C-alpha atoms as a PDB file:
ATOM      1  CA  MET A   1      58.028  78.014  95.716  1.00  0.00           C
ATOM      2  CA  GLN A   2      59.329  81.534  96.324  1.00  0.00           C
ATOM      3  CA  GLY A   3      61.097  80.320  99.456  1.00  0.00           C
ATOM      4  CA  VAL A   4      63.146  77.865  97.409  1.00  0.00           C
ATOM      5  CA  TRP A   5      64.304  80.644  95.079  1.00  0.00           C
ATOM      6  CA  PHE A   6      65.166  82.850  98.033  1.00  0.00           C
ATOM      7  CA  ILE A   7      67.274  80.129  99.654  1.00  0.00           C
ATOM      8  CA  ALA A   8      69.002  79.315  96.354  1.00  0.00           C
ATOM      9  CA  ALA A   9      69.764  82.999  95.735  1.00  0.00           C
ATOM     10  CA  TYR A  10      71.051  83.391  99.309  1.00  0.00           C
ATOM     11  CA  ILE A  11      73.420  80.437  98.953  1.00  0.00           C
ATOM     12  CA  ILE A  12      74.681  81.592  95.550  1.00  0.00           C
ATOM     13  CA  ILE A  13      75.251  85.183  96.701  1.00  0.00           C
ATOM     14  CA  THR A  14      77.030  84.230  99.929  1.00  0.00           C
ATOM     15  CA  ASN A  15      79.270  81.800  98.035  1.00  0.00           C
ATOM     16  CA  ILE A  16      80.168  84.442  95.449  1.00  0.00           C
ATOM     17  CA  ILE A  17      81.037  86.885  98.222  1.00  0.00           C
ATOM     18  CA  GLY A  18      83.103  84.243 100.053  1.00  0.00           C
ATOM     19  CA  PHE A  19      84.889  83.324  96.805  1.00  0.00           C
ATOM     20  CA  ALA A  20      85.648  86.985  96.074  1.00  0.00           C
ATOM     21  CA  LEU A  21      86.897  87.697  99.606  1.00  0.00           C
ATOM     22  CA  MET A  22      89.281  84.741  99.480  1.00  0.00           C
ATOM     23  CA  GLY A  23      90.591  85.892  96.096  1.00  0.00           C
ATOM     24  CA  ILE A  24      91.124  89.428  97.368  1.00  0.00           C
ATOM     25  CA  ASP A  25      92.836  88.088 100.494  1.00  0.00           C
ATOM     26  CA  LYS A  26      95.070  85.847  98.386  1.00  0.00           C
ATOM     27  CA  ARG A  27      96.067  88.794  96.164  1.00  0.00           C
ATOM     28  CA  LYS A  28      96.810  90.970  99.196  1.00  0.00           C
ATOM     29  CA  ALA A  29      98.968  88.218 100.701  1.00  0.00           C
ATOM     30  CA  ARG A  30     101.032  87.938  97.519  1.00  0.00           C
ATOM     31  CA  ASN A  31     101.527  91.716  97.426  1.00  0.00           C
ATOM     32  CA  GLY A  32     102.421  91.937 101.121  1.00  0.00           C
ATOM     33  CA  GLU A  33      99.445  94.209 101.840  1.00  0.00           C
ATOM     34  CA  TYR A  34      97.174  94.313 104.887  1.00  0.00           C
ATOM     35  CA  ARG A  35      94.921  91.267 104.582  1.00  0.00           C
ATOM     36  CA  ILE A  36      91.231  90.685 105.234  1.00  0.00           C
ATOM     37  CA  SER A  37      90.692  89.620 108.839  1.00  0.00           C
ATOM     38  CA  GLU A  38      90.106  85.969 109.545  1.00  0.00           C
ATOM     39  CA  LYS A  39      87.027  86.995 111.519  1.00  0.00           C
ATOM     40  CA  THR A  40      85.468  88.399 108.335  1.00  0.00           C
ATOM     41  CA  LEU A  41      86.352  85.306 106.298  1.00  0.00           C
ATOM     42  CA  TRP A  42      84.896  82.996 108.952  1.00  0.00           C
ATOM     43  CA  PHE A  43      81.750  85.131 109.195  1.00  0.00           C
ATOM     44  CA  TRP A  44      80.989  84.622 105.496  1.00  0.00           C
ATOM     45  CA  ALA A  45      81.813  80.921 105.748  1.00  0.00           C
ATOM     46  CA  VAL A  46      79.481  80.418 108.706  1.00  0.00           C
ATOM     47  CA  ILE A  47      76.481  82.283 107.268  1.00  0.00           C
ATOM     48  CA  GLY A  48      76.441  80.075 104.192  1.00  0.00           C
ATOM     49  CA  GLY A  49      79.356  81.011 102.005  1.00  0.00           C
ATOM     50  CA  GLY A  50      81.540  78.058 102.954  1.00  0.00           C
ATOM     51  CA  PRO A  51      81.917  76.219  99.610  1.00  0.00           C
ATOM     52  CA  GLY A  52      82.883  79.385  97.682  1.00  0.00           C
ATOM     53  CA  PRO A  53      86.215  79.886  99.451  1.00  0.00           C
ATOM     54  CA  PHE A  54      87.070  76.212  98.977  1.00  0.00           C
ATOM     55  CA  GLY A  55      86.617  76.753  95.249  1.00  0.00           C
ATOM     56  CA  ASP A  56      88.989  79.692  95.397  1.00  0.00           C
ATOM     57  CA  GLU A  57      91.588  77.556  97.166  1.00  0.00           C
ATOM     58  CA  ALA A  58      91.486  75.122  94.229  1.00  0.00           C
ATOM     59  CA  ILE A  59      92.569  77.892  91.836  1.00  0.00           C
ATOM     60  CA  PRO A  60      96.364  78.128  91.684  1.00  0.00           C
ATOM     61  CA  PRO A  61      97.905  81.524  92.579  1.00  0.00           C
END
């Protein structure tokens, strides 16, 4: 049962991080600042944070 909680926590945490990184990147793009590398964004998407950034894309700028 502990394994289920660990996996759920992992998915939630990686999605929150992915969501936050996309929001920060979006803000930096609007301000013309140096953006977060695509490599970093893809890393978080691949390790389990994929749905979080999609949620951020649904939020209008």
